PDB file of all heavy atoms in Angstrom:
ATOM      1  N   GLY A   1     162.914 148.362  77.074  1.00  0.00           N
ATOM      2  CA  GLY A   1     163.102 147.667  78.342  1.00  0.00           C
ATOM      3  C   GLY A   1     162.733 146.205  78.237  1.00  0.00           C
ATOM      4  O   GLY A   1     163.383 145.337  78.837  1.00  0.00           O
ATOM      5  N   TYR A   2     161.695 145.917  77.483  1.00  0.00           N
ATOM      6  CA  TYR A   2     161.282 144.528  77.272  1.00  0.00           C
ATOM      7  C   TYR A   2     162.415 143.741  76.610  1.00  0.00           C
ATOM      8  O   TYR A   2     162.761 142.633  77.047  1.00  0.00           O
ATOM      9  CB  TYR A   2     160.023 144.500  76.397  1.00  0.00           C
ATOM     10  CG  TYR A   2     159.406 143.133  76.236  1.00  0.00           C
ATOM     11  CD1 TYR A   2     158.309 142.755  76.996  1.00  0.00           C
ATOM     12  CD2 TYR A   2     159.922 142.218  75.318  1.00  0.00           C
ATOM     13  CE1 TYR A   2     157.735 141.492  76.856  1.00  0.00           C
ATOM     14  CE2 TYR A   2     159.369 140.959  75.169  1.00  0.00           C
ATOM     15  CZ  TYR A   2     158.273 140.606  75.941  1.00  0.00           C
ATOM     16  OH  TYR A   2     157.729 139.345  75.785  1.00  0.00           O
ATOM     17  N   MET A   3     163.008 144.318  75.567  1.00  0.00           N
ATOM     18  CA  MET A   3     164.097 143.638  74.875  1.00  0.00           C
ATOM     19  C   MET A   3     165.318 143.481  75.781  1.00  0.00           C
ATOM     20  O   MET A   3     166.076 142.508  75.646  1.00  0.00           O
ATOM     21  CB  MET A   3     164.471 144.402  73.611  1.00  0.00           C
ATOM     22  CG  MET A   3     163.372 144.431  72.563  1.00  0.00           C
ATOM     23  SD  MET A   3     162.908 142.784  71.979  1.00  0.00           S
ATOM     24  CE  MET A   3     164.293 142.418  70.911  1.00  0.00           C
ATOM     25  N   ALA A   4     165.511 144.407  76.691  1.00  0.00           N
ATOM     26  CA  ALA A   4     166.611 144.269  77.644  1.00  0.00           C
ATOM     27  C   ALA A   4     166.398 143.045  78.527  1.00  0.00           C
ATOM     28  O   ALA A   4     167.288 142.201  78.671  1.00  0.00           O
ATOM     29  CB  ALA A   4     166.734 145.530  78.493  1.00  0.00           C
ATOM     30  N   ASN A   5     165.224 142.919  79.110  1.00  0.00           N
ATOM     31  CA  ASN A   5     164.978 141.797  80.026  1.00  0.00           C
ATOM     32  C   ASN A   5     164.992 140.449  79.320  1.00  0.00           C
ATOM     33  O   ASN A   5     165.506 139.468  79.867  1.00  0.00           O
ATOM     34  CB  ASN A   5     163.664 142.006  80.772  1.00  0.00           C
ATOM     35  CG  ASN A   5     163.822 142.925  81.969  1.00  0.00           C
ATOM     36  OD1 ASN A   5     164.903 143.013  82.555  1.00  0.00           O
ATOM     37  ND2 ASN A   5     162.760 143.624  82.328  1.00  0.00           N
ATOM     38  N   VAL A   6     164.445 140.378  78.104  1.00  0.00           N
ATOM     39  CA  VAL A   6     164.449 139.081  77.413  1.00  0.00           C
ATOM     40  C   VAL A   6     165.812 138.768  76.808  1.00  0.00           C
ATOM     41  O   VAL A   6     166.037 137.655  76.340  1.00  0.00           O
ATOM     42  CB  VAL A   6     163.341 138.988  76.333  1.00  0.00           C
ATOM     43  CG1 VAL A   6     161.962 139.162  76.950  1.00  0.00           C
ATOM     44  CG2 VAL A   6     163.571 139.971  75.201  1.00  0.00           C
ATOM     45  N   GLY A   7     166.725 139.737  76.848  1.00  0.00           N
ATOM     46  CA  GLY A   7     168.096 139.469  76.428  1.00  0.00           C
ATOM     47  C   GLY A   7     169.017 139.171  77.596  1.00  0.00           C
ATOM     48  O   GLY A   7     169.837 138.251  77.542  1.00  0.00           O
ATOM     49  N   ILE A   8     168.871 139.937  78.670  1.00  0.00           N
ATOM     50  CA  ILE A   8     169.767 139.808  79.823  1.00  0.00           C
ATOM     51  C   ILE A   8     169.580 138.477  80.543  1.00  0.00           C
ATOM     52  O   ILE A   8     170.558 137.749  80.807  1.00  0.00           O
ATOM     53  CB  ILE A   8     169.535 140.965  80.813  1.00  0.00           C
ATOM     54  CG1 ILE A   8     169.917 142.302  80.183  1.00  0.00           C
ATOM     55  CG2 ILE A   8     170.326 140.733  82.101  1.00  0.00           C
ATOM     56  CD1 ILE A   8     169.391 143.505  80.940  1.00  0.00           C
ATOM     57  N   LEU A   9     168.339 138.138  80.880  1.00  0.00           N
ATOM     58  CA  LEU A   9     168.113 136.954  81.719  1.00  0.00           C
ATOM     59  C   LEU A   9     168.553 135.650  81.057  1.00  0.00           C
ATOM     60  O   LEU A   9     169.233 134.838  81.698  1.00  0.00           O
ATOM     61  CB  LEU A   9     166.649 136.909  82.164  1.00  0.00           C
ATOM     62  CG  LEU A   9     166.324 137.930  83.259  1.00  0.00           C
ATOM     63  CD1 LEU A   9     164.833 138.203  83.344  1.00  0.00           C
ATOM     64  CD2 LEU A   9     166.872 137.465  84.612  1.00  0.00           C
ATOM     65  N   PRO A  10     168.233 135.411  79.771  1.00  0.00           N
ATOM     66  CA  PRO A  10     168.748 134.183  79.146  1.00  0.00           C
ATOM     67  C   PRO A  10     170.266 134.167  79.014  1.00  0.00           C
ATOM     68  O   PRO A  10     170.873 133.091  78.952  1.00  0.00           O
ATOM     69  CB  PRO A  10     168.072 134.191  77.766  1.00  0.00           C
ATOM     70  CG  PRO A  10     166.851 135.009  77.935  1.00  0.00           C
ATOM     71  CD  PRO A  10     167.259 136.090  78.890  1.00  0.00           C
ATOM     72  N   ALA A  11     170.885 135.348  78.957  1.00  0.00           N
ATOM     73  CA  ALA A  11     172.346 135.403  78.888  1.00  0.00           C
ATOM     74  C   ALA A  11     172.983 135.056  80.232  1.00  0.00           C
ATOM     75  O   ALA A  11     174.057 134.459  80.285  1.00  0.00           O
ATOM     76  CB  ALA A  11     172.799 136.787  78.438  1.00  0.00           C
ATOM     77  N   LEU A  12     172.322 135.419  81.314  1.00  0.00           N
ATOM     78  CA  LEU A  12     172.890 135.224  82.648  1.00  0.00           C
ATOM     79  C   LEU A  12     172.600 133.850  83.235  1.00  0.00           C
ATOM     80  O   LEU A  12     173.342 133.381  84.108  1.00  0.00           O
ATOM     81  CB  LEU A  12     172.360 136.295  83.608  1.00  0.00           C
ATOM     82  CG  LEU A  12     172.732 137.741  83.298  1.00  0.00           C
ATOM     83  CD1 LEU A  12     172.147 138.653  84.361  1.00  0.00           C
ATOM     84  CD2 LEU A  12     174.243 137.922  83.216  1.00  0.00           C
ATOM     85  N   ALA A  13     171.508 133.225  82.818  1.00  0.00           N
ATOM     86  CA  ALA A  13     171.111 131.948  83.420  1.00  0.00           C
ATOM     87  C   ALA A  13     170.585 131.006  82.339  1.00  0.00           C
ATOM     88  O   ALA A  13     169.834 131.420  81.456  1.00  0.00           O
ATOM     89  CB  ALA A  13     170.037 132.174  84.488  1.00  0.00           C
ATOM     90  N   GLY A  14     170.981 129.758  82.433  1.00  0.00           N
ATOM     91  CA  GLY A  14     170.539 128.759  81.463  1.00  0.00           C
ATOM     92  C   GLY A  14     170.211 127.446  82.140  1.00  0.00           C
ATOM     93  O   GLY A  14     169.979 127.392  83.354  1.00  0.00           O
ATOM     94  N   LYS A  15     170.212 126.389  81.363  1.00  0.00           N
ATOM     95  CA  LYS A  15     169.881 125.063  81.878  1.00  0.00           C
ATOM     96  C   LYS A  15     170.813 124.714  83.039  1.00  0.00           C
ATOM     97  O   LYS A  15     172.033 124.869  82.950  1.00  0.00           O
ATOM     98  CB  LYS A  15     170.010 124.026  80.761  1.00  0.00           C
ATOM     99  CG  LYS A  15     169.467 122.667  81.128  1.00  0.00           C
ATOM    100  CD  LYS A  15     169.489 121.731  79.925  1.00  0.00           C
ATOM    101  CE  LYS A  15     168.911 120.365  80.291  1.00  0.00           C
ATOM    102  NZ  LYS A  15     168.941 119.435  79.129  1.00  0.00           N
ATOM    103  N   GLY A  16     170.221 124.261  84.136  1.00  0.00           N
ATOM    104  CA  GLY A  16     170.990 123.922  85.333  1.00  0.00           C
ATOM    105  C   GLY A  16     171.084 125.052  86.334  1.00  0.00           C
ATOM    106  O   GLY A  16     171.484 124.832  87.486  1.00  0.00           O
ATOM    107  N   ASP A  17     170.712 126.282  85.918  1.00  0.00           N
ATOM    108  CA  ASP A  17     170.707 127.433  86.825  1.00  0.00           C
ATOM    109  C   ASP A  17     169.287 127.674  87.341  1.00  0.00           C
ATOM    110  O   ASP A  17     168.328 127.060  86.876  1.00  0.00           O
ATOM    111  CB  ASP A  17     171.200 128.684  86.106  1.00  0.00           C
ATOM    112  CG  ASP A  17     172.636 128.562  85.632  1.00  0.00           C
ATOM    113  OD1 ASP A  17     173.437 127.908  86.322  1.00  0.00           O
ATOM    114  OD2 ASP A  17     172.950 129.117  84.550  1.00  0.00           O
ATOM    115  N   ILE A  18     169.171 128.618  88.276  1.00  0.00           N
ATOM    116  CA  ILE A  18     167.868 128.972  88.837  1.00  0.00           C
ATOM    117  C   ILE A  18     167.696 130.489  88.790  1.00  0.00           C
ATOM    118  O   ILE A  18     168.641 131.234  89.073  1.00  0.00           O
ATOM    119  CB  ILE A  18     167.720 128.489  90.290  1.00  0.00           C
ATOM    120  CG1 ILE A  18     167.757 126.958  90.351  1.00  0.00           C
ATOM    121  CG2 ILE A  18     166.411 128.986  90.897  1.00  0.00           C
ATOM    122  CD1 ILE A  18     167.590 126.399  91.734  1.00  0.00           C
ATOM    123  N   ILE A  19     166.506 130.925  88.414  1.00  0.00           N
ATOM    124  CA  ILE A  19     166.142 132.335  88.547  1.00  0.00           C
ATOM    125  C   ILE A  19     165.055 132.434  89.609  1.00  0.00           C
ATOM    126  O   ILE A  19     164.007 131.782  89.514  1.00  0.00           O
ATOM    127  CB  ILE A  19     165.634 132.927  87.223  1.00  0.00           C
ATOM    128  CG1 ILE A  19     166.717 132.845  86.141  1.00  0.00           C
ATOM    129  CG2 ILE A  19     165.209 134.382  87.433  1.00  0.00           C
ATOM    130  CD1 ILE A  19     166.273 133.347  84.783  1.00  0.00           C
ATOM    131  N   TYR A  20     165.315 133.240  90.630  1.00  0.00           N
ATOM    132  CA  TYR A  20     164.336 133.512  91.682  1.00  0.00           C
ATOM    133  C   TYR A  20     163.664 134.842  91.337  1.00  0.00           C
ATOM    134  O   TYR A  20     164.319 135.882  91.262  1.00  0.00           O
ATOM    135  CB  TYR A  20     165.016 133.604  93.045  1.00  0.00           C
ATOM    136  CG  TYR A  20     165.745 132.335  93.444  1.00  0.00           C
ATOM    137  CD1 TYR A  20     167.098 132.165  93.144  1.00  0.00           C
ATOM    138  CD2 TYR A  20     165.081 131.299  94.105  1.00  0.00           C
ATOM    139  CE1 TYR A  20     167.763 131.000  93.500  1.00  0.00           C
ATOM    140  CE2 TYR A  20     165.744 130.133  94.467  1.00  0.00           C
ATOM    141  CZ  TYR A  20     167.086 129.997  94.159  1.00  0.00           C
ATOM    142  OH  TYR A  20     167.749 128.831  94.503  1.00  0.00           O
ATOM    143  N   SER A  21     162.357 134.802  91.123  1.00  0.00           N
ATOM    144  CA  SER A  21     161.629 135.967  90.612  1.00  0.00           C
ATOM    145  C   SER A  21     160.448 136.314  91.511  1.00  0.00           C
ATOM    146  O   SER A  21     159.663 135.439  91.883  1.00  0.00           O
ATOM    147  CB  SER A  21     161.130 135.670  89.186  1.00  0.00           C
ATOM    148  OG  SER A  21     160.401 136.749  88.657  1.00  0.00           O
ATOM    149  N   ASP A  22     160.331 137.588  91.857  1.00  0.00           N
ATOM    150  CA  ASP A  22     159.189 138.065  92.653  1.00  0.00           C
ATOM    151  C   ASP A  22     157.890 137.791  91.906  1.00  0.00           C
ATOM    152  O   ASP A  22     157.810 137.963  90.685  1.00  0.00           O
ATOM    153  CB  ASP A  22     159.342 139.569  92.915  1.00  0.00           C
ATOM    154  CG  ASP A  22     158.330 140.110  93.914  1.00  0.00           C
ATOM    155  OD1 ASP A  22     157.125 140.183  93.557  1.00  0.00           O
ATOM    156  OD2 ASP A  22     158.726 140.461  95.034  1.00  0.00           O
ATOM    157  N   GLU A  23     156.859 137.397  92.623  1.00  0.00           N
ATOM    158  CA  GLU A  23     155.598 137.023  91.976  1.00  0.00           C
ATOM    159  C   GLU A  23     154.908 138.177  91.264  1.00  0.00           C
ATOM    160  O   GLU A  23     154.045 137.957  90.411  1.00  0.00           O
ATOM    161  CB  GLU A  23     154.640 136.407  92.993  1.00  0.00           C
ATOM    162  CG  GLU A  23     154.154 137.354  94.074  1.00  0.00           C
ATOM    163  CD  GLU A  23     153.182 136.699  95.038  1.00  0.00           C
ATOM    164  OE1 GLU A  23     152.564 135.675  94.653  1.00  0.00           O
ATOM    165  OE2 GLU A  23     153.036 137.194  96.170  1.00  0.00           O
ATOM    166  N   LEU A  24     155.281 139.416  91.573  1.00  0.00           N
ATOM    167  CA  LEU A  24     154.653 140.569  90.919  1.00  0.00           C
ATOM    168  C   LEU A  24     155.572 141.252  89.910  1.00  0.00           C
ATOM    169  O   LEU A  24     155.314 142.387  89.497  1.00  0.00           O
ATOM    170  CB  LEU A  24     154.186 141.590  91.965  1.00  0.00           C
ATOM    171  CG  LEU A  24     153.076 141.115  92.905  1.00  0.00           C
ATOM    172  CD1 LEU A  24     152.579 142.270  93.779  1.00  0.00           C
ATOM    173  CD2 LEU A  24     151.904 140.488  92.147  1.00  0.00           C
ATOM    174  N   ASN A  25     156.620 140.560  89.491  1.00  0.00           N
ATOM    175  CA  ASN A  25     157.520 141.149  88.496  1.00  0.00           C
ATOM    176  C   ASN A  25     156.818 141.416  87.172  1.00  0.00           C
ATOM    177  O   ASN A  25     155.835 140.756  86.824  1.00  0.00           O
ATOM    178  CB  ASN A  25     158.719 140.224  88.256  1.00  0.00           C
ATOM    179  CG  ASN A  25     159.825 140.420  89.273  1.00  0.00           C
ATOM    180  OD1 ASN A  25     159.885 141.434  89.965  1.00  0.00           O
ATOM    181  ND2 ASN A  25     160.714 139.436  89.382  1.00  0.00           N
ATOM    182  N   HIS A  26     157.372 142.367  86.423  1.00  0.00           N
ATOM    183  CA  HIS A  26     156.819 142.770  85.134  1.00  0.00           C
ATOM    184  C   HIS A  26     156.849 141.617  84.131  1.00  0.00           C
ATOM    185  O   HIS A  26     157.692 140.724  84.202  1.00  0.00           O
ATOM    186  CB  HIS A  26     157.622 143.951  84.583  1.00  0.00           C
ATOM    187  CG  HIS A  26     157.032 144.582  83.379  1.00  0.00           C
ATOM    188  ND1 HIS A  26     157.430 144.253  82.098  1.00  0.00           N
ATOM    189  CD2 HIS A  26     156.061 145.520  83.246  1.00  0.00           C
ATOM    190  CE1 HIS A  26     156.739 144.973  81.233  1.00  0.00           C
ATOM    191  NE2 HIS A  26     155.894 145.745  81.887  1.00  0.00           N
ATOM    192  N   ALA A  27     155.940 141.681  83.159  1.00  0.00           N
ATOM    193  CA  ALA A  27     155.828 140.627  82.141  1.00  0.00           C
ATOM    194  C   ALA A  27     157.129 140.419  81.374  1.00  0.00           C
ATOM    195  O   ALA A  27     157.445 139.296  80.966  1.00  0.00           O
ATOM    196  CB  ALA A  27     154.706 140.975  81.161  1.00  0.00           C
ATOM    197  N   SER A  28     157.913 141.467  81.171  1.00  0.00           N
ATOM    198  CA  SER A  28     159.168 141.325  80.438  1.00  0.00           C
ATOM    199  C   SER A  28     160.161 140.474  81.217  1.00  0.00           C
ATOM    200  O   SER A  28     160.950 139.719  80.626  1.00  0.00           O
ATOM    201  CB  SER A  28     159.767 142.697  80.125  1.00  0.00           C
ATOM    202  OG  SER A  28     160.019 143.428  81.315  1.00  0.00           O
ATOM    203  N   ILE A  29     160.149 140.583  82.536  1.00  0.00           N
ATOM    204  CA  ILE A  29     160.993 139.717  83.363  1.00  0.00           C
ATOM    205  C   ILE A  29     160.505 138.284  83.275  1.00  0.00           C
ATOM    206  O   ILE A  29     161.298 137.347  83.113  1.00  0.00           O
ATOM    207  CB  ILE A  29     161.005 140.198  84.832  1.00  0.00           C
ATOM    208  CG1 ILE A  29     161.692 141.546  84.942  1.00  0.00           C
ATOM    209  CG2 ILE A  29     161.687 139.159  85.738  1.00  0.00           C
ATOM    210  CD1 ILE A  29     161.688 142.143  86.335  1.00  0.00           C
ATOM    211  N   ILE A  30     159.203 138.098  83.369  1.00  0.00           N
ATOM    212  CA  ILE A  30     158.626 136.751  83.279  1.00  0.00           C
ATOM    213  C   ILE A  30     159.011 136.092  81.962  1.00  0.00           C
ATOM    214  O   ILE A  30     159.433 134.929  81.922  1.00  0.00           O
ATOM    215  CB  ILE A  30     157.093 136.826  83.427  1.00  0.00           C
ATOM    216  CG1 ILE A  30     156.721 137.320  84.827  1.00  0.00           C
ATOM    217  CG2 ILE A  30     156.458 135.463  83.147  1.00  0.00           C
ATOM    218  CD1 ILE A  30     155.264 137.696  84.986  1.00  0.00           C
ATOM    219  N   ASP A  31     158.889 136.839  80.870  1.00  0.00           N
ATOM    220  CA  ASP A  31     159.223 136.270  79.553  1.00  0.00           C
ATOM    221  C   ASP A  31     160.723 135.998  79.432  1.00  0.00           C
ATOM    222  O   ASP A  31     161.134 135.014  78.817  1.00  0.00           O
ATOM    223  CB  ASP A  31     158.740 137.200  78.447  1.00  0.00           C
ATOM    224  CG  ASP A  31     157.225 137.195  78.317  1.00  0.00           C
ATOM    225  OD1 ASP A  31     156.570 136.397  79.006  1.00  0.00           O
ATOM    226  OD2 ASP A  31     156.697 138.003  77.525  1.00  0.00           O
ATOM    227  N   GLY A  32     161.555 136.865  80.002  1.00  0.00           N
ATOM    228  CA  GLY A  32     162.988 136.621  80.002  1.00  0.00           C
ATOM    229  C   GLY A  32     163.339 135.354  80.765  1.00  0.00           C
ATOM    230  O   GLY A  32     164.201 134.571  80.332  1.00  0.00           O
TER     231      GLY A  32
END
């Protein structure tokens, strides 16, 4: 699951985009 989040999020959003993340999200989401 960790590898999924650190792969999916950088693929979906990059420089110039925004990710809105809940403050209590899992560490894998934060790292992604």
